[in-house]
Amino acid sequence: MDDELIARFVENEGIRKSAYQDSLGYWTIGIGVCIDARKGLGLTTEECFYLLKNRLVLLKQSLSAYDWFARCNETRQGVLIEMAYNLGVSGLLGFKKTIAFIENFQYAGAAKEMANSRWAGQIGSKRLKDLQARMSSGRY
């Protein structure tokens, strides 16, 4: 794409980092991207995967600052990234007992402690059990 064309879009549409309703009330994101189902619009599958992958990279970068995260294997890091995806990094950091177990390499205890939260009820028992199994065993 031509840089000048992109610059015109940014100038005319602006950049919005959260969903908003445009002047006609349609849900829009980013640089004027209408995602409103009432207009038959939304994200493409490719855009959904792009957003997911981008967010996962950012979460891993943020969590890598913590020794307890860096010492985990890839599977356990994945569990923590999934939790941060749902809760935000600050929400994950609120799991102080879970993190204390992880710091002491007590992954079964960390898995058990993950269930002691409102979040556990929000994600459903099947997903919770899957996350706990991966935290405990370190395997998919």
Protein backbone atom coordinates (compact mmCIF):
# COMPACT_ATOMS: atom_id res chain seq x y z
CA MET A 1 0.00 0.00 0.00
CA ASP A 2 1.07 3.52 -0.72
CA ASP A 3 2.33 5.31 2.42
CA GLU A 4 0.52 8.48 1.39
CA LEU A 5 -2.80 6.63 1.11
CA ILE A 6 -2.29 5.15 4.57
CA ALA A 7 -1.42 8.60 5.93
CA ARG A 8 -4.72 9.96 4.51
CA PHE A 9 -6.68 7.22 6.28
CA VAL A 10 -4.95 7.95 9.57
CA GLU A 11 -5.53 11.69 9.15
CA ASN A 12 -9.21 11.29 8.26
CA GLU A 13 -10.21 8.35 10.45
CA GLY A 14 -7.84 8.76 13.38
CA ILE A 15 -6.46 5.89 15.42
CA ARG A 16 -8.69 4.44 18.11
CA LYS A 17 -7.24 1.74 20.32
CA SER A 18 -10.56 0.51 21.65
CA ALA A 19 -13.95 -0.13 20.14
CA TYR A 20 -16.12 2.92 19.55
CA GLN A 21 -19.31 3.84 17.77
CA ASP A 22 -18.84 5.94 14.64
CA SER A 23 -21.00 8.95 13.75
CA LEU A 24 -23.78 6.59 12.58
CA GLY A 25 -23.58 4.39 15.68
CA TYR A 26 -21.74 1.45 14.08
CA TRP A 27 -19.08 -0.37 16.08
CA THR A 28 -15.64 0.44 14.74
CA ILE A 29 -12.03 -0.21 15.77
CA GLY A 30 -8.51 0.84 14.84
CA ILE A 31 -8.34 3.17 11.86
CA GLY A 32 -12.00 3.31 10.87
CA VAL A 33 -12.53 -0.47 10.57
CA CYS A 34 -16.27 -1.09 10.89
CA ILE A 35 -16.91 -4.41 12.63
CA ASP A 36 -20.63 -4.01 13.18
CA ALA A 37 -22.70 -7.12 12.43
CA ARG A 38 -25.67 -4.88 11.54
CA LYS A 39 -23.66 -3.87 8.46
CA GLY A 40 -22.69 -7.47 7.76
CA LEU A 41 -19.14 -6.69 8.81
CA GLY A 42 -16.63 -8.06 11.28
CA LEU A 43 -13.07 -9.23 11.40
CA THR A 44 -11.73 -11.80 8.98
CA THR A 45 -10.39 -15.05 10.39
CA GLU A 46 -6.89 -13.86 9.47
CA GLU A 47 -7.40 -10.62 11.39
CA CYS A 48 -8.62 -12.56 14.43
CA PHE A 49 -5.49 -14.74 14.40
CA TYR A 50 -3.26 -11.70 13.85
CA LEU A 51 -4.75 -9.97 16.88
CA LEU A 52 -4.45 -13.11 19.01
CA LYS A 53 -0.85 -13.80 18.04
CA ASN A 54 0.13 -10.17 18.55
CA ARG A 55 -1.46 -10.11 22.00
CA LEU A 56 0.22 -13.39 22.99
CA VAL A 57 3.64 -12.01 22.02
CA LEU A 58 3.00 -8.89 24.11
CA LEU A 59 1.86 -10.94 27.10
CA LYS A 60 4.89 -13.22 26.91
CA GLN A 61 7.19 -10.19 26.74
CA SER A 62 5.52 -8.67 29.81
CA LEU A 63 5.58 -11.89 31.82
CA SER A 64 9.19 -12.67 30.89
CA ALA A 65 10.24 -9.91 33.29
CA TYR A 66 9.31 -12.24 36.18
CA ASP A 67 11.79 -14.95 37.19
CA TRP A 68 9.01 -17.35 38.21
CA PHE A 69 7.60 -17.15 34.67
CA ALA A 70 10.97 -17.46 32.93
CA ARG A 71 11.79 -20.62 34.95
CA CYS A 72 8.60 -22.36 33.78
CA ASN A 73 8.68 -24.66 30.79
CA GLU A 74 6.82 -23.67 27.62
CA THR A 75 3.62 -25.50 28.62
CA ARG A 76 3.39 -23.82 32.01
CA GLN A 77 4.24 -20.47 30.45
CA GLY A 78 1.32 -21.11 28.09
CA VAL A 79 -1.02 -21.58 31.05
CA LEU A 80 0.13 -18.32 32.57
CA ILE A 81 -0.21 -16.52 29.25
CA GLU A 82 -3.77 -17.85 28.91
CA MET A 83 -4.57 -16.59 32.39
CA ALA A 84 -3.06 -13.18 31.60
CA TYR A 85 -5.02 -13.08 28.35
CA ASN A 86 -8.24 -13.40 30.36
CA LEU A 87 -7.25 -11.37 33.40
CA GLY A 88 -4.59 -8.97 32.16
CA VAL A 89 -1.09 -9.16 33.60
CA SER A 90 -2.16 -7.21 36.68
CA GLY A 91 -5.01 -9.66 37.24
CA LEU A 92 -2.65 -12.61 36.98
CA LEU A 93 -0.30 -10.97 39.45
CA GLY A 94 -3.18 -10.97 41.92
CA PHE A 95 -2.88 -14.77 42.11
CA LYS A 96 -0.28 -14.41 44.85
CA LYS A 97 -0.64 -17.92 46.30
CA THR A 98 -0.50 -19.53 42.87
CA ILE A 99 2.62 -17.55 42.03
CA ALA A 100 4.19 -18.46 45.39
CA PHE A 101 3.73 -22.14 44.56
CA ILE A 102 5.28 -21.58 41.12
CA GLU A 103 8.23 -19.76 42.67
CA ASN A 104 8.85 -22.87 44.79
CA PHE A 105 8.43 -25.28 41.85
CA GLN A 106 5.28 -26.69 43.47
CA TYR A 107 3.20 -26.87 40.32
CA ALA A 108 0.53 -29.21 41.70
CA GLY A 109 -0.11 -26.69 44.47
CA ALA A 110 -0.22 -23.87 41.94
CA ALA A 111 -2.74 -25.84 39.87
CA LYS A 112 -4.95 -26.43 42.90
CA GLU A 113 -4.75 -22.78 43.95
CA MET A 114 -5.86 -21.61 40.48
CA ALA A 115 -9.36 -22.87 41.32
CA ASN A 116 -9.70 -20.54 44.33
CA SER A 117 -10.93 -17.51 42.42
CA ARG A 118 -13.90 -15.92 40.68
CA TRP A 119 -11.98 -16.37 37.42
CA ALA A 120 -12.20 -20.17 37.80
CA GLY A 121 -15.99 -19.95 37.73
CA GLN A 122 -15.96 -17.65 34.72
CA ILE A 123 -13.91 -19.89 32.43
CA GLY A 124 -15.83 -23.10 33.03
CA SER A 125 -14.77 -26.33 34.67
CA LYS A 126 -13.52 -28.04 31.49
CA ARG A 127 -11.08 -25.25 30.68
CA LEU A 128 -10.03 -24.91 34.32
CA LYS A 129 -9.26 -28.63 34.56
CA ASP A 130 -7.25 -28.45 31.32
CA LEU A 131 -5.21 -25.49 32.59
CA GLN A 132 -4.67 -27.16 35.96
CA ALA A 133 -3.52 -30.40 34.32
CA ARG A 134 -1.03 -28.51 32.15
CA MET A 135 0.25 -26.49 35.12
CA SER A 136 0.64 -29.60 37.24
CA SER A 137 2.23 -31.88 34.64
CA GLY A 138 4.04 -29.35 32.47
CA ARG A 139 2.69 -31.17 29.38
CA TYR A 140 -0.11 -30.70 26.87
